[in-house]
């Protein structure tokens, strides 16, 4: 997969060329982020960690030059300081990007994992060999899971043994549930056991884990709903009433009242977005999107 640097206006080839001059920064920062290489591999970024850091630094420096030029023209010296601060936060976000992308990929993998393993189990029950069953699952619509099985099938077709192909898949996959399922299948293959009971056991365990996630999610909804009522309904209503009453007593300027009310509206919209994002992240990963 091509390396994507967020907030970069430069094409990847030019960014990679500029990164050659910043490899020293890449080596230093790489030591501070020991998990970065693993995160890059788990999102299929074919690049070394030090190279990725150098590319992020190159993108940030170019962005800072452009942003500081515009800011200095509009806000003089303070614009340059603001551009420096913004560029620093962008650089930190770029370094965190593989982890964030990996988290989103984990949720997609978990969403289709249970269904794909059930499909695999059905094929094995019908007497289909494991390899052929993985080929069938790789061609079905199981999202990221089908893509992962496509990699395994491709490796096996090039002469890699099934166990080694599955082991490589488990090492590079970001989903703990997926890795656990693959490791159990591998252990069954190494011991010469029948794979079908092993997969049935994995499916049963994942089903129990799904129930636990649902129960935990349900217990979190009540306090979240109360928090939502306070932040999006009660406080804005009381605040609006207070502003109206206060403006009557103090004869506040109408432009000031409008500004405060617009600010309150922006706050409510921001709160709604934050709350919806929180609900989405709390949703059990095994339930799907």
Protein backbone atom coordinates (compact mmCIF):
# COMPACT_ATOMS: atom_id res chain seq x y z
CA UNK A 1 0.00 0.00 0.00
CA UNK A 2 1.22 3.50 -0.86
CA UNK A 3 2.39 5.56 2.09
CA UNK A 4 -0.10 8.29 2.94
CA UNK A 5 1.04 11.33 4.91
CA UNK A 6 -1.97 13.33 6.17
CA UNK A 7 -1.99 17.14 5.72
CA UNK A 8 0.70 16.87 3.05
CA UNK A 9 0.37 18.89 -0.16
CA UNK A 10 3.33 17.21 -1.86
CA UNK A 11 3.12 14.10 -4.06
CA UNK A 12 4.53 10.93 -2.41
CA UNK A 13 7.52 10.63 -4.79
CA UNK A 14 8.68 14.19 -4.11
CA UNK A 15 8.09 13.75 -0.39
CA UNK A 16 10.20 10.60 -0.38
CA UNK A 17 13.01 12.41 -2.22
CA UNK A 18 12.98 15.29 0.29
CA UNK A 19 13.00 12.82 3.18
CA UNK A 20 16.51 11.68 2.17
CA UNK A 21 17.83 14.93 3.69
CA UNK A 22 15.98 14.40 6.98
CA UNK A 23 16.87 10.79 7.81
CA UNK A 24 18.80 11.99 10.87
CA UNK A 25 15.55 13.28 12.38
CA UNK A 26 13.91 10.01 11.42
CA UNK A 27 16.51 7.94 13.30
CA UNK A 28 16.19 10.07 16.45
CA UNK A 29 12.38 10.09 16.55
CA UNK A 30 12.21 6.38 15.64
CA UNK A 31 13.95 5.53 18.92
CA UNK A 32 11.28 7.46 20.82
CA UNK A 33 8.50 5.51 19.06
CA UNK A 34 9.45 1.82 19.32
CA UNK A 35 6.01 0.61 18.19
CA UNK A 36 5.89 2.75 15.05
CA UNK A 37 7.36 0.05 12.77
CA UNK A 38 4.79 -2.49 13.96
CA UNK A 39 1.98 0.02 13.43
CA UNK A 40 3.22 0.71 9.89
CA UNK A 41 3.35 -3.00 9.04
CA UNK A 42 -0.15 -3.59 10.41
CA UNK A 43 -1.62 -0.98 8.08
CA UNK A 44 0.41 -2.33 5.11
CA UNK A 45 2.67 0.70 4.79
CA UNK A 46 5.76 -0.62 3.01
CA UNK A 47 8.21 1.79 4.58
CA UNK A 48 10.73 1.85 7.41
CA UNK A 49 9.82 3.81 10.53
CA UNK A 50 12.74 6.22 10.14
CA UNK A 51 11.76 6.88 6.52
CA UNK A 52 8.14 7.54 7.54
CA UNK A 53 9.26 10.01 10.25
CA UNK A 54 11.52 11.77 7.74
CA UNK A 55 8.63 12.03 5.26
CA UNK A 56 6.41 13.48 8.00
CA UNK A 57 9.13 16.00 8.86
CA UNK A 58 9.50 17.01 5.20
CA UNK A 59 5.75 17.47 4.80
CA UNK A 60 5.58 19.51 8.03
CA UNK A 61 8.48 21.78 7.08
CA UNK A 62 6.98 22.55 3.67
CA UNK A 63 3.60 23.17 5.29
CA UNK A 64 5.18 25.44 7.90
CA UNK A 65 6.92 27.54 5.24
CA UNK A 66 3.67 28.08 3.36
CA UNK A 67 1.58 28.64 6.49
CA UNK A 68 4.08 31.00 8.14
CA UNK A 69 4.39 33.07 4.96
CA UNK A 70 0.64 33.59 4.79
CA UNK A 71 0.33 34.14 8.56
CA UNK A 72 3.22 36.62 8.69
CA UNK A 73 1.61 38.65 5.90
CA UNK A 74 -1.71 38.76 7.78
CA UNK A 75 -0.67 38.79 11.46
CA UNK A 76 3.07 39.69 11.46
CA UNK A 77 5.24 37.99 14.11
CA UNK A 78 2.36 36.37 16.00
CA UNK A 79 1.29 34.62 12.82
CA UNK A 80 4.66 32.88 12.62
CA UNK A 81 4.33 31.64 16.20
CA UNK A 82 0.82 30.37 15.44
CA UNK A 83 2.11 28.63 12.29
CA UNK A 84 4.90 27.00 14.32
CA UNK A 85 2.44 25.71 16.91
CA UNK A 86 0.03 24.41 14.28
CA UNK A 87 2.87 22.71 12.39
CA UNK A 88 4.03 20.97 15.57
CA UNK A 89 0.55 19.56 16.20
CA UNK A 90 0.29 18.46 12.57
CA UNK A 91 3.63 16.64 12.88
CA UNK A 92 2.41 14.83 16.00
CA UNK A 93 -0.83 13.87 14.24
CA UNK A 94 1.15 12.52 11.29
CA UNK A 95 3.18 10.31 13.61
CA UNK A 96 -0.03 9.05 15.26
CA UNK A 97 -1.73 8.42 11.92
CA UNK A 98 -0.62 4.75 11.49
CA UNK A 99 -1.98 3.94 14.96
CA UNK A 100 -5.30 5.68 14.25
CA UNK A 101 -5.59 3.96 10.90
CA UNK A 102 -4.75 0.65 12.54
CA UNK A 103 -7.51 1.20 15.11
CA UNK A 104 -10.07 1.77 12.33
CA UNK A 105 -8.81 -1.34 10.54
CA UNK A 106 -9.17 -3.39 13.75
CA UNK A 107 -12.83 -2.42 13.99
CA UNK A 108 -13.42 -3.42 10.37
CA UNK A 109 -11.67 -6.75 10.92
CA UNK A 110 -13.60 -7.49 14.11
CA UNK A 111 -16.89 -6.59 12.43
CA UNK A 112 -16.54 -9.37 9.81
CA UNK A 113 -14.49 -11.87 11.80
CA UNK A 114 -17.33 -13.89 13.32
CA UNK A 115 -19.20 -14.18 10.01
CA UNK A 116 -16.09 -15.22 8.09
CA UNK A 117 -15.17 -17.91 10.63
CA UNK A 118 -18.71 -19.28 10.48
CA UNK A 119 -18.46 -19.40 6.68
CA UNK A 120 -15.11 -21.21 7.05
CA UNK A 121 -16.68 -23.66 9.49
CA UNK A 122 -19.57 -24.38 7.11
CA UNK A 123 -17.15 -25.17 4.30
CA UNK A 124 -15.14 -27.53 6.51
CA UNK A 125 -18.36 -29.24 7.65
CA UNK A 126 -19.12 -29.88 3.99
CA UNK A 127 -15.80 -31.68 3.60
CA UNK A 128 -13.93 -28.87 1.85
CA UNK A 129 -10.17 -28.77 2.64
CA UNK A 130 -8.89 -25.84 4.69
CA UNK A 131 -7.04 -24.27 1.76
CA UNK A 132 -10.11 -24.38 -0.49
CA UNK A 133 -12.24 -23.01 2.36
CA UNK A 134 -9.86 -20.06 2.76
CA UNK A 135 -10.03 -19.44 -1.00
CA UNK A 136 -13.85 -19.32 -0.80
CA UNK A 137 -13.80 -16.93 2.16
CA UNK A 138 -11.25 -14.70 0.38
CA UNK A 139 -13.68 -14.34 -2.54
CA UNK A 140 -16.70 -13.52 -0.39
CA UNK A 141 -17.76 -10.11 0.88
CA UNK A 142 -16.12 -10.08 4.32
CA UNK A 143 -14.29 -6.78 3.92
CA UNK A 144 -10.84 -6.65 5.51
CA UNK A 145 -11.03 -10.31 6.57
CA UNK A 146 -11.39 -11.43 2.94
CA UNK A 147 -8.39 -9.26 2.04
CA UNK A 148 -6.35 -10.95 4.78
CA UNK A 149 -7.26 -14.41 3.52
CA UNK A 150 -6.36 -13.31 -0.01
CA UNK A 151 -2.84 -12.63 1.28
CA UNK A 152 -2.66 -16.11 2.82
CA UNK A 153 -3.88 -17.77 -0.37
CA UNK A 154 -1.39 -15.78 -2.44
CA UNK A 155 1.49 -16.85 -0.19
CA UNK A 156 0.44 -20.50 -0.27
CA UNK A 157 0.25 -20.36 -4.08
CA UNK A 158 3.86 -19.14 -4.18
CA UNK A 159 5.02 -22.21 -2.24
CA UNK A 160 4.79 -21.07 1.40
CA UNK A 161 3.35 -23.68 3.77
CA UNK A 162 -0.10 -23.08 5.25
CA UNK A 163 1.28 -22.82 8.78
CA UNK A 164 3.97 -20.29 7.84
CA UNK A 165 1.48 -18.22 5.82
CA UNK A 166 -0.97 -18.14 8.71
CA UNK A 167 1.82 -17.31 11.16
CA UNK A 168 2.92 -14.35 9.04
CA UNK A 169 -0.71 -13.20 8.88
CA UNK A 170 -1.11 -13.41 12.66
CA UNK A 171 2.10 -11.47 13.33
CA UNK A 172 1.15 -8.55 11.08
CA UNK A 173 -2.58 -8.34 11.86
CA UNK A 174 -3.65 -5.53 14.25
CA UNK A 175 -6.79 -7.25 15.58
CA UNK A 176 -6.23 -9.25 18.80
CA UNK A 177 -9.36 -11.34 18.13
CA UNK A 178 -8.18 -12.17 14.61
CA UNK A 179 -4.68 -13.05 15.83
CA UNK A 180 -6.08 -15.27 18.57
CA UNK A 181 -8.27 -17.11 16.07
CA UNK A 182 -5.37 -17.67 13.65
CA UNK A 183 -3.03 -18.82 16.43
CA UNK A 184 -5.57 -21.40 17.59
CA UNK A 185 -5.98 -22.71 14.04
CA UNK A 186 -2.19 -22.88 13.67
CA UNK A 187 -1.78 -24.76 16.95
CA UNK A 188 -4.41 -27.26 15.83
CA UNK A 189 -2.59 -27.78 12.53
CA UNK A 190 0.78 -28.24 14.26
CA UNK A 191 -0.70 -30.86 16.58
CA UNK A 192 -2.36 -32.66 13.68
CA UNK A 193 -5.83 -32.17 15.14
CA UNK A 194 -9.07 -31.82 13.20
CA UNK A 195 -9.38 -28.13 12.35
CA UNK A 196 -13.18 -28.01 12.32
CA UNK A 197 -13.64 -28.46 16.13
CA UNK A 198 -10.91 -25.86 16.65
CA UNK A 199 -12.75 -23.28 14.53
CA UNK A 200 -16.04 -24.17 16.25
CA UNK A 201 -14.37 -23.46 19.58
CA UNK A 202 -13.08 -20.11 18.29
CA UNK A 203 -16.56 -19.17 17.02
CA UNK A 204 -18.09 -20.12 20.39
CA UNK A 205 -15.53 -18.02 22.28
CA UNK A 206 -16.11 -15.04 19.99
CA UNK A 207 -19.86 -15.38 20.45
CA UNK A 208 -19.41 -15.22 24.23
CA UNK A 209 -17.07 -12.26 23.86
CA UNK A 210 -19.71 -10.53 21.72
CA UNK A 211 -22.31 -10.97 24.49
CA UNK A 212 -19.87 -9.56 27.06
CA UNK A 213 -19.22 -6.54 24.83
CA UNK A 214 -22.97 -5.94 24.39
CA UNK A 215 -23.58 -6.10 28.15
CA UNK A 216 -20.68 -3.72 28.81
CA UNK A 217 -21.94 -1.36 26.11
CA UNK A 218 -25.44 -1.39 27.61
CA UNK A 219 -24.09 -0.50 31.05
CA UNK A 220 -22.26 2.51 29.56
CA UNK A 221 -25.26 3.93 27.70
CA UNK A 222 -27.17 5.15 30.79
CA UNK A 223 -24.45 7.52 32.10
CA UNK A 224 -23.70 8.63 28.54
CA UNK A 225 -27.38 9.44 27.96
CA UNK A 226 -27.44 11.48 31.19
CA UNK A 227 -24.28 13.30 30.12
CA UNK A 228 -25.88 14.05 26.75
CA UNK A 229 -29.05 15.41 28.36
CA UNK A 230 -26.98 17.70 30.57
CA UNK A 231 -24.69 18.99 27.82
CA UNK A 232 -27.03 19.19 24.84
CA UNK A 233 -30.44 19.90 26.38
CA UNK A 234 -30.48 21.18 29.98
CA UNK A 235 -27.43 23.46 30.05
CA UNK A 236 -28.14 25.15 26.67
CA UNK A 237 -31.79 25.71 27.67
CA UNK A 238 -30.81 27.20 31.03
CA UNK A 239 -28.04 29.22 29.43
CA UNK A 240 -30.38 30.69 26.81
CA UNK A 241 -32.95 31.59 29.47
CA UNK A 242 -30.27 33.17 31.67
CA UNK A 243 -28.93 35.26 28.77
CA UNK A 244 -32.40 36.51 27.86
CA UNK A 245 -33.23 37.44 31.47
CA UNK A 246 -29.83 39.04 32.05
CA UNK A 247 -30.09 41.09 28.86
CA UNK A 248 -33.44 42.49 30.09
CA UNK A 249 -31.96 43.64 33.39
CA UNK A 250 -28.66 45.00 32.11
CA UNK A 251 -29.86 46.30 28.72
CA UNK A 252 -27.06 44.51 26.89
CA UNK A 253 -26.27 45.39 23.32
CA UNK A 254 -28.12 43.23 20.79
CA UNK A 255 -24.94 42.45 18.85
CA UNK A 256 -23.35 41.09 22.04
CA UNK A 257 -26.41 38.93 22.75
CA UNK A 258 -26.35 37.58 19.20
CA UNK A 259 -22.65 36.80 19.52
CA UNK A 260 -23.21 34.89 22.76
CA UNK A 261 -26.13 32.95 21.30
CA UNK A 262 -24.17 32.07 18.17
CA UNK A 263 -21.32 30.91 20.41
CA UNK A 264 -23.77 28.75 22.33
CA UNK A 265 -25.00 27.25 19.05
CA UNK A 266 -21.44 26.45 17.98
CA UNK A 267 -20.80 24.82 21.36
CA UNK A 268 -23.93 22.64 21.02
CA UNK A 269 -22.94 21.57 17.50
CA UNK A 270 -19.41 20.73 18.67
CA UNK A 271 -20.80 18.81 21.65
CA UNK A 272 -23.12 16.83 19.37
CA UNK A 273 -20.22 15.83 17.12
CA UNK A 274 -18.04 14.84 20.07
CA UNK A 275 -20.84 12.83 21.64
CA UNK A 276 -21.67 10.98 18.42
CA UNK A 277 -17.97 10.14 18.03
CA UNK A 278 -17.82 8.84 21.60
CA UNK A 279 -20.88 6.63 21.04
CA UNK A 280 -19.33 5.25 17.85
CA UNK A 281 -16.03 4.39 19.56
CA UNK A 282 -17.85 2.73 22.47
CA UNK A 283 -19.84 0.48 20.13
CA UNK A 284 -18.69 -3.17 20.40
CA UNK A 285 -16.27 -3.96 17.60
CA UNK A 286 -17.64 -7.49 17.12
CA UNK A 287 -21.08 -6.07 16.30
CA UNK A 288 -19.89 -4.38 13.15
CA UNK A 289 -20.39 -0.82 11.95
